Every structure is written in C-alpha cells, then in structure tokens.
Amino acid sequence: MFESRCGICCTQCTRRDEVGCNGCLNMEKPFWGGDCAVKSCCEEKELNHCGECPDFPCETLSTMGVEEGYDPAPKLEQCRKWMEEN
C-alpha cells in the first residue's frame, strides 16, 4: 500500500508527529500550508503516486528536496516498488 504521492514512507518519518503531518493522501494541503507540485500533479492526473505516471521519473520528482539536501533516490525507488506491487 502506498503512503504518499512522491514515495516518502510516512510511517517511517521521524518528524511526522512533530509537524502534525497526516500524510499527503489524508490532507488537502501539505503540513507546511503551501502547495506541493508532486501532490497536485498526481491528483490532477488521478494517480495514486508518481510511479503510475507515464512520465516517471519527471524532473519535478527527481529534484524535489535536493536544494534542502535530500537524496531523491529512495523516493524514486519506493515509487517503483509500489508500481510493481500493483
């Protein structure tokens, strides 16, 4: 079962309770109150997660969080796993 649109495993997030995040699947807007391009894209295309997209992996997903020091590889791999499961 997928937990997010972008491949983040929400149940493994150590900051989830701290920031009051219920996961993007359960929230209208991200916990920070802004917009998430990945969430919006998946919802517009009626996709459960990015791995279902014919454009996967796109630049938006591949660069998400890189400026903040996050490695996108684990998210990309998780989306691939969720797609293989379905």
N, C-alpha and C. Protein backbone atom coordinates (compact mmCIF):
# COMPACT_ATOMS: atom_id res chain seq x y z
N MET A 1 0.83 -1.18 0.00
CA MET A 1 0.00 0.00 0.00
C MET A 1 0.88 1.25 0.00
N PHE A 2 0.60 2.16 -0.86
CA PHE A 2 1.37 3.40 -0.93
C PHE A 2 0.97 4.33 0.21
N GLU A 3 1.92 5.18 0.61
CA GLU A 3 1.72 6.08 1.74
C GLU A 3 1.75 7.55 1.33
N SER A 4 2.29 7.86 0.18
CA SER A 4 2.39 9.24 -0.27
C SER A 4 2.33 9.26 -1.79
N ARG A 5 2.33 10.44 -2.35
CA ARG A 5 2.36 10.58 -3.81
C ARG A 5 3.79 10.45 -4.34
N CYS A 6 4.76 10.94 -3.56
CA CYS A 6 6.14 11.07 -4.05
C CYS A 6 7.05 9.91 -3.69
N GLY A 7 6.61 8.99 -2.85
CA GLY A 7 7.46 7.86 -2.50
C GLY A 7 8.00 7.92 -1.08
N ILE A 8 7.67 8.95 -0.34
CA ILE A 8 8.08 9.01 1.06
C ILE A 8 7.25 8.00 1.84
N CYS A 9 7.90 7.23 2.68
CA CYS A 9 7.20 6.28 3.54
C CYS A 9 6.84 7.00 4.84
N CYS A 10 5.64 7.50 4.89
CA CYS A 10 5.19 8.35 6.00
C CYS A 10 5.29 7.65 7.36
N THR A 11 5.03 6.37 7.40
CA THR A 11 5.06 5.66 8.68
C THR A 11 6.46 5.58 9.25
N GLN A 12 7.47 5.80 8.43
CA GLN A 12 8.87 5.76 8.89
C GLN A 12 9.42 7.15 9.18
N CYS A 13 8.63 8.18 8.98
CA CYS A 13 9.09 9.55 9.17
C CYS A 13 9.17 9.88 10.66
N THR A 14 10.34 10.32 11.09
CA THR A 14 10.55 10.65 12.50
C THR A 14 9.97 12.01 12.86
N ARG A 15 9.66 12.85 11.89
CA ARG A 15 9.13 14.19 12.14
C ARG A 15 7.62 14.27 12.02
N ARG A 16 6.98 13.20 11.65
CA ARG A 16 5.54 13.20 11.37
C ARG A 16 4.71 13.80 12.51
N ASP A 17 4.89 13.32 13.72
CA ASP A 17 4.13 13.83 14.86
C ASP A 17 4.53 15.26 15.20
N GLU A 18 5.82 15.52 15.12
CA GLU A 18 6.36 16.84 15.46
C GLU A 18 5.74 17.96 14.62
N VAL A 19 5.54 17.71 13.33
CA VAL A 19 5.00 18.74 12.44
C VAL A 19 3.50 18.59 12.21
N GLY A 20 2.89 17.58 12.79
CA GLY A 20 1.45 17.38 12.65
C GLY A 20 1.04 16.93 11.26
N CYS A 21 1.84 16.09 10.66
CA CYS A 21 1.56 15.62 9.30
C CYS A 21 0.77 14.31 9.32
N ASN A 22 -0.32 14.28 8.59
CA ASN A 22 -1.12 13.06 8.44
C ASN A 22 -0.86 12.37 7.11
N GLY A 23 0.09 12.86 6.36
CA GLY A 23 0.38 12.30 5.05
C GLY A 23 -0.42 13.00 3.97
N CYS A 24 0.16 13.17 2.82
CA CYS A 24 -0.50 13.94 1.75
C CYS A 24 -1.76 13.27 1.22
N LEU A 25 -1.87 11.97 1.42
CA LEU A 25 -3.09 11.29 0.97
C LEU A 25 -4.29 11.67 1.82
N ASN A 26 -4.02 12.12 3.05
CA ASN A 26 -5.09 12.43 4.00
C ASN A 26 -5.27 13.91 4.26
N MET A 27 -4.51 14.74 3.56
CA MET A 27 -4.55 16.18 3.79
C MET A 27 -4.84 16.92 2.49
N GLU A 28 -5.62 17.99 2.60
CA GLU A 28 -5.90 18.80 1.42
C GLU A 28 -4.65 19.56 0.98
N LYS A 29 -3.92 20.09 1.95
CA LYS A 29 -2.67 20.80 1.69
C LYS A 29 -1.58 20.17 2.53
N PRO A 30 -0.32 20.28 2.11
CA PRO A 30 0.78 19.75 2.92
C PRO A 30 0.83 20.41 4.29
N PHE A 31 1.49 19.76 5.23
CA PHE A 31 1.54 20.25 6.61
C PHE A 31 2.14 21.65 6.72
N TRP A 32 2.98 22.05 5.76
CA TRP A 32 3.59 23.37 5.83
C TRP A 32 2.65 24.46 5.31
N GLY A 33 1.49 24.07 4.77
CA GLY A 33 0.48 25.02 4.36
C GLY A 33 0.59 25.53 2.94
N GLY A 34 1.67 25.23 2.26
CA GLY A 34 1.84 25.67 0.88
C GLY A 34 1.30 24.66 -0.10
N ASP A 35 1.83 24.70 -1.29
CA ASP A 35 1.44 23.75 -2.32
C ASP A 35 2.59 22.80 -2.59
N CYS A 36 2.26 21.57 -2.91
CA CYS A 36 3.25 20.57 -3.30
C CYS A 36 2.99 20.24 -4.76
N ALA A 37 3.95 20.53 -5.62
CA ALA A 37 3.79 20.30 -7.06
C ALA A 37 3.56 18.82 -7.36
N VAL A 38 4.20 17.94 -6.62
CA VAL A 38 4.05 16.50 -6.85
C VAL A 38 2.65 16.04 -6.46
N LYS A 39 2.19 16.45 -5.30
CA LYS A 39 0.83 16.10 -4.85
C LYS A 39 -0.21 16.60 -5.85
N SER A 40 -0.08 17.88 -6.23
CA SER A 40 -1.03 18.48 -7.17
C SER A 40 -1.03 17.75 -8.51
N CYS A 41 0.14 17.43 -9.01
CA CYS A 41 0.26 16.74 -10.30
C CYS A 41 -0.43 15.38 -10.27
N CYS A 42 -0.13 14.59 -9.24
CA CYS A 42 -0.75 13.27 -9.12
C CYS A 42 -2.26 13.36 -9.03
N GLU A 43 -2.75 14.29 -8.25
CA GLU A 43 -4.19 14.43 -8.08
C GLU A 43 -4.86 14.90 -9.36
N GLU A 44 -4.22 15.83 -10.08
CA GLU A 44 -4.77 16.28 -11.37
C GLU A 44 -4.84 15.15 -12.38
N LYS A 45 -3.84 14.27 -12.36
CA LYS A 45 -3.79 13.14 -13.30
C LYS A 45 -4.53 11.91 -12.77
N GLU A 46 -5.12 12.04 -11.56
CA GLU A 46 -5.84 10.95 -10.90
C GLU A 46 -4.95 9.72 -10.70
N LEU A 47 -3.72 9.98 -10.26
CA LEU A 47 -2.76 8.91 -9.97
C LEU A 47 -2.63 8.75 -8.46
N ASN A 48 -2.41 7.54 -8.02
CA ASN A 48 -2.18 7.31 -6.60
C ASN A 48 -0.82 7.81 -6.17
N HIS A 49 0.17 7.64 -7.02
CA HIS A 49 1.55 8.06 -6.74
C HIS A 49 2.30 8.22 -8.05
N CYS A 50 3.46 8.82 -7.98
CA CYS A 50 4.25 9.14 -9.18
C CYS A 50 4.64 7.91 -10.01
N GLY A 51 4.80 6.78 -9.37
CA GLY A 51 5.19 5.58 -10.10
C GLY A 51 4.19 5.14 -11.15
N GLU A 52 2.97 5.61 -11.05
CA GLU A 52 1.93 5.27 -12.03
C GLU A 52 1.96 6.18 -13.27
N CYS A 53 2.77 7.21 -13.23
CA CYS A 53 2.79 8.21 -14.30
C CYS A 53 3.65 7.75 -15.47
N PRO A 54 3.18 7.96 -16.70
CA PRO A 54 4.00 7.60 -17.86
C PRO A 54 5.26 8.45 -17.98
N ASP A 55 5.30 9.60 -17.30
CA ASP A 55 6.46 10.49 -17.34
C ASP A 55 7.44 10.23 -16.19
N PHE A 56 7.18 9.19 -15.40
CA PHE A 56 8.03 8.86 -14.26
C PHE A 56 9.39 8.37 -14.73
N PRO A 57 10.46 8.82 -14.11
CA PRO A 57 10.58 9.88 -13.12
C PRO A 57 10.73 11.23 -13.80
N CYS A 58 9.91 12.17 -13.44
CA CYS A 58 9.96 13.51 -14.04
C CYS A 58 10.96 14.39 -13.29
N GLU A 59 11.21 15.56 -13.84
CA GLU A 59 12.16 16.49 -13.22
C GLU A 59 11.64 16.98 -11.87
N THR A 60 10.33 17.21 -11.77
CA THR A 60 9.76 17.71 -10.52
C THR A 60 10.04 16.75 -9.37
N LEU A 61 9.77 15.48 -9.58
CA LEU A 61 10.00 14.49 -8.54
C LEU A 61 11.50 14.28 -8.31
N SER A 62 12.25 14.24 -9.38
CA SER A 62 13.69 13.96 -9.29
C SER A 62 14.49 15.06 -8.60
N THR A 63 13.94 16.27 -8.57
CA THR A 63 14.66 17.38 -7.94
C THR A 63 14.00 17.82 -6.63
N MET A 64 12.90 17.21 -6.26
CA MET A 64 12.18 17.57 -5.04
C MET A 64 13.07 17.34 -3.81
N GLY A 65 13.32 18.41 -3.06
CA GLY A 65 14.09 18.31 -1.82
C GLY A 65 15.59 18.36 -1.99
N VAL A 66 16.09 18.35 -3.21
CA VAL A 66 17.54 18.34 -3.44
C VAL A 66 18.18 19.60 -2.87
N GLU A 67 17.55 20.75 -3.07
CA GLU A 67 18.11 22.01 -2.55
C GLU A 67 18.21 22.00 -1.03
N GLU A 68 17.36 21.22 -0.38
CA GLU A 68 17.38 21.11 1.08
C GLU A 68 18.31 20.01 1.56
N GLY A 69 18.99 19.33 0.64
CA GLY A 69 19.96 18.31 0.99
C GLY A 69 19.43 16.88 0.99
N TYR A 70 18.23 16.67 0.47
CA TYR A 70 17.64 15.32 0.45
C TYR A 70 17.99 14.60 -0.84
N ASP A 71 18.26 13.33 -0.73
CA ASP A 71 18.56 12.47 -1.87
C ASP A 71 17.23 11.94 -2.43
N PRO A 72 16.92 12.19 -3.70
CA PRO A 72 15.66 11.73 -4.27
C PRO A 72 15.62 10.22 -4.56
N ALA A 73 16.76 9.56 -4.57
CA ALA A 73 16.82 8.14 -4.96
C ALA A 73 15.89 7.23 -4.15
N PRO A 74 15.82 7.35 -2.82
CA PRO A 74 14.91 6.46 -2.08
C PRO A 74 13.44 6.65 -2.45
N LYS A 75 13.03 7.89 -2.72
CA LYS A 75 11.63 8.14 -3.12
C LYS A 75 11.35 7.51 -4.48
N LEU A 76 12.29 7.67 -5.40
CA LEU A 76 12.11 7.11 -6.74
C LEU A 76 12.01 5.59 -6.67
N GLU A 77 12.87 4.98 -5.88
CA GLU A 77 12.86 3.52 -5.73
C GLU A 77 11.55 3.06 -5.10
N GLN A 78 11.05 3.80 -4.11
CA GLN A 78 9.79 3.42 -3.46
C GLN A 78 8.63 3.50 -4.44
N CYS A 79 8.58 4.52 -5.27
CA CYS A 79 7.52 4.62 -6.28
C CYS A 79 7.58 3.44 -7.24
N ARG A 80 8.79 3.04 -7.60
CA ARG A 80 8.94 1.87 -8.48
C ARG A 80 8.39 0.60 -7.80
N LYS A 81 8.69 0.45 -6.51
CA LYS A 81 8.21 -0.72 -5.75
C LYS A 81 6.68 -0.73 -5.68
N TRP A 82 6.09 0.43 -5.39
CA TRP A 82 4.62 0.50 -5.32
C TRP A 82 4.00 0.16 -6.66
N MET A 83 4.63 0.59 -7.75
CA MET A 83 4.08 0.28 -9.07
C MET A 83 4.16 -1.21 -9.36
N GLU A 84 5.26 -1.84 -8.97
CA GLU A 84 5.41 -3.28 -9.18
C GLU A 84 4.41 -4.09 -8.36
N GLU A 85 4.02 -3.56 -7.19
CA GLU A 85 3.07 -4.24 -6.32
C GLU A 85 1.66 -4.24 -6.92
N ASN A 86 1.37 -3.26 -7.75
CA ASN A 86 0.01 -3.16 -8.31
C ASN A 86 -0.09 -3.81 -9.65
